[in-house]
Amino acid sequence: MKTLTVALILIASFCSYTAAEAQIDTTSYPTERQQIRALMRQRRPSEPIDCSDFIAVGPKGDISFSHKEWLAVQAKEKLVFKSVRALPGHEFIRIYDGTMAVVNFLAEVQLVVDDRDLAIKVRRLEVYHKEPTGWCRVAGQGTEVDEKLFPVKSN
C-alpha cells in the first residue's frame, strides 16, 4: 500500500510540474507587451509595420519575401484589406529577451476579393523584432477560421 501511495504522489507531482511548465508567461516584459498590443490594435492596412526582411505566407501557401511582394500578390489576386481588428481576449503574446515577440491572435478581417465584400475571422501568427526605432513584424501567417465547423467562443 505504501508503494502505491508513493507512486500516486510522484505521478501527481509530475503532472502538476508539467502543467506549470506549459503555461504561457503573460506577465514578464509588460512595457513590450503594451507596445505590441498597441501595434495590433492601431494597425491600418495602409500603414506598414513590417521589417525590411519581412516574410509572409498567404492563404494559398504562397510566400512573399518582402512587404512589396506581399502587396503585389494582393494586387494580383484582386484582394484589398479594408480593416483588421484583433479581438480582445484572443491575444497571446510571448516576449523573448525583450527584443522578440511571438503573437497569436484572432482577428476580424474586412476585405474585398474580386469586387466582393467579405467579413471573415482569421487566426494570425506573427513574429515581431524590436529595433532601435521600435517594433516591426518579421513574419506573419493567417488561417481563416471556419465558424460553421469551429464557432469562436468569447473568453
C-alpha atoms as a PDB file:
ATOM      1  CA  MET A   1       0.000   0.000   0.000  1.00  0.00           C
ATOM      2  CA  LYS A   2       2.879   2.382   0.817  1.00  0.00           C
ATOM      3  CA  THR A   3       4.376   1.760  -2.636  1.00  0.00           C
ATOM      4  CA  LEU A   4       1.067   2.606  -4.339  1.00  0.00           C
ATOM      5  CA  THR A   5       0.692   5.806  -2.289  1.00  0.00           C
ATOM      6  CA  VAL A   6       4.246   6.925  -3.078  1.00  0.00           C
ATOM      7  CA  ALA A   7       3.712   6.157  -6.778  1.00  0.00           C
ATOM      8  CA  LEU A   8       0.499   8.222  -6.856  1.00  0.00           C
ATOM      9  CA  ILE A   9       2.202  11.156  -5.118  1.00  0.00           C
ATOM     10  CA  LEU A  10       5.059  11.047  -7.621  1.00  0.00           C
ATOM     11  CA  ILE A  11       2.673  10.922 -10.579  1.00  0.00           C
ATOM     12  CA  ALA A  12       0.614  13.836  -9.183  1.00  0.00           C
ATOM     13  CA  SER A  13       3.787  15.859  -8.592  1.00  0.00           C
ATOM     14  CA  PHE A  14       4.997  15.197 -12.133  1.00  0.00           C
ATOM     15  CA  CYS A  15       1.622  16.147 -13.645  1.00  0.00           C
ATOM     16  CA  SER A  16       1.437  19.435 -11.727  1.00  0.00           C
ATOM     17  CA  TYR A  17       5.055  20.263 -12.719  1.00  0.00           C
ATOM     18  CA  THR A  18       4.299  19.558 -16.396  1.00  0.00           C
ATOM     19  CA  ALA A  19       1.134  21.701 -16.307  1.00  0.00           C
ATOM     20  CA  ALA A  20       3.033  24.612 -14.737  1.00  0.00           C
ATOM     21  CA  GLU A  21       5.760  24.406 -17.381  1.00  0.00           C
ATOM     22  CA  ALA A  22       3.241  24.516 -20.240  1.00  0.00           C
ATOM     23  CA  GLN A  23       1.523  27.748 -19.213  1.00  0.00           C
ATOM     24  CA  ILE A  24       2.106  30.908 -21.212  1.00  0.00           C
ATOM     25  CA  ASP A  25       4.025  33.682 -19.459  1.00  0.00           C
ATOM     26  CA  THR A  26       1.680  36.680 -19.531  1.00  0.00           C
ATOM     27  CA  THR A  27       3.409  38.967 -17.062  1.00  0.00           C
ATOM     28  CA  SER A  28       7.056  39.485 -17.987  1.00  0.00           C
ATOM     29  CA  TYR A  29       8.046  42.461 -20.167  1.00  0.00           C
ATOM     30  CA  PRO A  30       4.836  44.467 -19.508  1.00  0.00           C
ATOM     31  CA  THR A  31       6.045  47.540 -21.449  1.00  0.00           C
ATOM     32  CA  GLU A  32       6.894  45.476 -24.511  1.00  0.00           C
ATOM     33  CA  ARG A  33       3.516  43.700 -24.322  1.00  0.00           C
ATOM     34  CA  GLN A  34       1.736  47.050 -24.323  1.00  0.00           C
ATOM     35  CA  GLN A  35       3.770  48.196 -27.331  1.00  0.00           C
ATOM     36  CA  ILE A  36       2.860  45.038 -29.282  1.00  0.00           C
ATOM     37  CA  ARG A  37      -0.832  45.338 -28.317  1.00  0.00           C
ATOM     38  CA  ALA A  38      -0.819  48.967 -29.479  1.00  0.00           C
ATOM     39  CA  LEU A  39       0.644  47.914 -32.851  1.00  0.00           C
ATOM     40  CA  MET A  40      -2.006  45.230 -33.245  1.00  0.00           C
ATOM     41  CA  ARG A  41      -4.953  47.412 -32.248  1.00  0.00           C
ATOM     42  CA  GLN A  42      -3.950  50.584 -34.090  1.00  0.00           C
ATOM     43  CA  ARG A  43      -2.959  48.815 -37.289  1.00  0.00           C
ATOM     44  CA  ARG A  44      -4.161  50.224 -40.591  1.00  0.00           C
ATOM     45  CA  PRO A  45      -3.750  48.228 -43.831  1.00  0.00           C
ATOM     46  CA  SER A  46      -2.113  51.251 -45.485  1.00  0.00           C
ATOM     47  CA  GLU A  47       0.485  51.705 -42.709  1.00  0.00           C
ATOM     48  CA  PRO A  48       3.261  49.112 -42.977  1.00  0.00           C
ATOM     49  CA  ILE A  49       4.607  47.691 -39.736  1.00  0.00           C
ATOM     50  CA  ASP A  50       6.980  45.266 -41.433  1.00  0.00           C
ATOM     51  CA  CYS A  51      10.757  44.971 -41.082  1.00  0.00           C
ATOM     52  CA  SER A  52      12.849  45.077 -44.240  1.00  0.00           C
ATOM     53  CA  ASP A  53      13.320  41.284 -44.051  1.00  0.00           C
ATOM     54  CA  PHE A  54       9.578  40.547 -43.620  1.00  0.00           C
ATOM     55  CA  ILE A  55       8.295  37.163 -44.856  1.00  0.00           C
ATOM     56  CA  ALA A  56       4.619  36.282 -45.202  1.00  0.00           C
ATOM     57  CA  VAL A  57       2.704  33.149 -46.067  1.00  0.00           C
ATOM     58  CA  GLY A  58      -0.550  33.812 -47.889  1.00  0.00           C
ATOM     59  CA  PRO A  59      -3.836  31.887 -47.726  1.00  0.00           C
ATOM     60  CA  LYS A  60      -2.842  29.705 -50.694  1.00  0.00           C
ATOM     61  CA  GLY A  61       0.554  28.861 -49.188  1.00  0.00           C
ATOM     62  CA  ASP A  62       2.383  31.412 -51.334  1.00  0.00           C
ATOM     63  CA  ILE A  63       5.455  33.078 -49.803  1.00  0.00           C
ATOM     64  CA  SER A  64       6.294  36.770 -50.060  1.00  0.00           C
ATOM     65  CA  PHE A  65       9.827  37.813 -49.117  1.00  0.00           C
ATOM     66  CA  SER A  66       9.080  41.498 -48.535  1.00  0.00           C
ATOM     67  CA  HIS A  67       6.194  43.861 -47.870  1.00  0.00           C
ATOM     68  CA  LYS A  68       6.388  44.924 -51.542  1.00  0.00           C
ATOM     69  CA  GLU A  69       5.999  41.304 -52.753  1.00  0.00           C
ATOM     70  CA  TRP A  70       3.116  40.778 -50.325  1.00  0.00           C
ATOM     71  CA  LEU A  71       1.305  43.813 -51.759  1.00  0.00           C
ATOM     72  CA  ALA A  72       1.958  42.565 -55.310  1.00  0.00           C
ATOM     73  CA  VAL A  73       0.326  39.206 -54.511  1.00  0.00           C
ATOM     74  CA  GLN A  74      -2.709  41.019 -53.109  1.00  0.00           C
ATOM     75  CA  ALA A  75      -2.988  43.137 -56.268  1.00  0.00           C
ATOM     76  CA  LYS A  76      -2.682  40.055 -58.494  1.00  0.00           C
ATOM     77  CA  GLU A  77      -5.421  38.271 -56.522  1.00  0.00           C
ATOM     78  CA  LYS A  78      -7.591  41.437 -56.578  1.00  0.00           C
ATOM     79  CA  LEU A  79      -7.618  41.467 -52.792  1.00  0.00           C
ATOM     80  CA  VAL A  80      -7.928  44.664 -50.734  1.00  0.00           C
ATOM     81  CA  PHE A  81      -7.796  44.708 -46.932  1.00  0.00           C
ATOM     82  CA  LYS A  82     -10.228  47.258 -45.521  1.00  0.00           C
ATOM     83  CA  SER A  83      -9.641  46.521 -41.835  1.00  0.00           C
ATOM     84  CA  VAL A  84      -8.006  44.030 -39.500  1.00  0.00           C
ATOM     85  CA  ARG A  85      -9.128  44.154 -35.872  1.00  0.00           C
ATOM     86  CA  ALA A  86      -7.617  41.957 -33.163  1.00  0.00           C
ATOM     87  CA  LEU A  87     -10.315  40.628 -30.853  1.00  0.00           C
ATOM     88  CA  PRO A  88      -9.531  41.357 -27.187  1.00  0.00           C
ATOM     89  CA  GLY A  89      -9.295  38.212 -25.094  1.00  0.00           C
ATOM     90  CA  HIS A  90      -7.981  36.201 -28.037  1.00  0.00           C
ATOM     91  CA  GLU A  91      -4.401  37.539 -27.978  1.00  0.00           C
ATOM     92  CA  PHE A  92      -1.425  35.539 -26.760  1.00  0.00           C
ATOM     93  CA  ILE A  93       1.882  37.388 -26.655  1.00  0.00           C
ATOM     94  CA  ARG A  94       5.193  35.782 -25.766  1.00  0.00           C
ATOM     95  CA  ILE A  95       8.208  38.063 -25.365  1.00  0.00           C
ATOM     96  CA  TYR A  96      11.743  36.700 -25.608  1.00  0.00           C
ATOM     97  CA  ASP A  97      14.682  38.680 -24.190  1.00  0.00           C
ATOM     98  CA  GLY A  98      12.695  41.902 -24.597  1.00  0.00           C
ATOM     99  CA  THR A  99      13.515  42.063 -28.323  1.00  0.00           C
ATOM    100  CA  MET A 100      11.470  39.287 -29.961  1.00  0.00           C
ATOM    101  CA  ALA A 101       7.722  38.623 -29.738  1.00  0.00           C
ATOM    102  CA  VAL A 102       5.632  35.717 -30.972  1.00  0.00           C
ATOM    103  CA  VAL A 103       1.972  36.684 -31.188  1.00  0.00           C
ATOM    104  CA  ASN A 104      -1.094  34.562 -31.825  1.00  0.00           C
ATOM    105  CA  PHE A 105      -4.435  36.320 -32.105  1.00  0.00           C
ATOM    106  CA  LEU A 106      -7.889  36.137 -33.591  1.00  0.00           C
ATOM    107  CA  ALA A 107      -8.824  38.969 -35.956  1.00  0.00           C
ATOM    108  CA  GLU A 108     -11.972  40.185 -37.612  1.00  0.00           C
ATOM    109  CA  VAL A 109     -10.986  40.986 -41.182  1.00  0.00           C
ATOM    110  CA  GLN A 110     -12.949  43.099 -43.647  1.00  0.00           C
ATOM    111  CA  LEU A 111     -11.710  42.741 -47.210  1.00  0.00           C
ATOM    112  CA  VAL A 112     -12.678  42.915 -50.846  1.00  0.00           C
ATOM    113  CA  VAL A 113     -11.937  39.978 -53.161  1.00  0.00           C
ATOM    114  CA  ASP A 114     -12.874  40.279 -56.839  1.00  0.00           C
ATOM    115  CA  ASP A 115     -15.034  43.314 -56.015  1.00  0.00           C
ATOM    116  CA  ARG A 116     -16.969  41.385 -53.312  1.00  0.00           C
ATOM    117  CA  ASP A 117     -17.003  42.490 -49.682  1.00  0.00           C
ATOM    118  CA  LEU A 118     -16.112  39.729 -47.245  1.00  0.00           C
ATOM    119  CA  ALA A 119     -16.031  39.557 -43.455  1.00  0.00           C
ATOM    120  CA  ILE A 120     -14.026  36.678 -42.011  1.00  0.00           C
ATOM    121  CA  LYS A 121     -12.252  35.691 -38.820  1.00  0.00           C
ATOM    122  CA  VAL A 122      -8.583  34.802 -39.103  1.00  0.00           C
ATOM    123  CA  ARG A 123      -6.224  33.216 -36.562  1.00  0.00           C
ATOM    124  CA  ARG A 124      -2.879  35.011 -37.021  1.00  0.00           C
ATOM    125  CA  LEU A 125       0.618  34.008 -36.027  1.00  0.00           C
ATOM    126  CA  GLU A 126       3.088  36.881 -36.213  1.00  0.00           C
ATOM    127  CA  VAL A 127       6.688  37.426 -35.150  1.00  0.00           C
ATOM    128  CA  TYR A 128       7.977  40.874 -34.175  1.00  0.00           C
ATOM    129  CA  HIS A 129      11.502  42.172 -33.628  1.00  0.00           C
ATOM    130  CA  LYS A 130      12.414  45.244 -31.607  1.00  0.00           C
ATOM    131  CA  GLU A 131      14.784  47.553 -33.468  1.00  0.00           C
ATOM    132  CA  PRO A 132      16.191  50.892 -32.247  1.00  0.00           C
ATOM    133  CA  THR A 133      13.245  52.647 -33.969  1.00  0.00           C
ATOM    134  CA  GLY A 134      10.622  50.346 -32.405  1.00  0.00           C
ATOM    135  CA  TRP A 135       8.859  47.074 -33.105  1.00  0.00           C
ATOM    136  CA  CYS A 136       8.411  45.717 -36.617  1.00  0.00           C
ATOM    137  CA  ARG A 137       6.934  42.482 -37.962  1.00  0.00           C
ATOM    138  CA  VAL A 138       9.351  39.942 -39.454  1.00  0.00           C
ATOM    139  CA  ALA A 139       6.864  37.150 -40.237  1.00  0.00           C
ATOM    140  CA  GLY A 140       3.157  36.510 -40.495  1.00  0.00           C
ATOM    141  CA  GLN A 141       0.685  33.836 -41.479  1.00  0.00           C
ATOM    142  CA  GLY A 142      -3.068  33.596 -41.099  1.00  0.00           C
ATOM    143  CA  THR A 143      -5.628  30.815 -41.215  1.00  0.00           C
ATOM    144  CA  GLU A 144      -9.294  31.531 -41.820  1.00  0.00           C
ATOM    145  CA  VAL A 145     -11.488  30.203 -39.033  1.00  0.00           C
ATOM    146  CA  ASP A 146     -14.436  28.241 -40.412  1.00  0.00           C
ATOM    147  CA  GLU A 147     -17.074  29.250 -37.874  1.00  0.00           C
ATOM    148  CA  LYS A 148     -19.601  26.751 -39.245  1.00  0.00           C
ATOM    149  CA  LEU A 149     -17.276  23.947 -38.165  1.00  0.00           C
ATOM    150  CA  PHE A 150     -15.467  25.705 -35.305  1.00  0.00           C
ATOM    151  CA  PRO A 151     -17.524  28.534 -33.756  1.00  0.00           C
ATOM    152  CA  VAL A 152     -15.435  31.147 -31.981  1.00  0.00           C
ATOM    153  CA  LYS A 153     -16.380  31.450 -28.327  1.00  0.00           C
ATOM    154  CA  SER A 154     -15.909  34.632 -26.342  1.00  0.00           C
ATOM    155  CA  ASN A 155     -13.428  34.439 -23.483  1.00  0.00           C
END
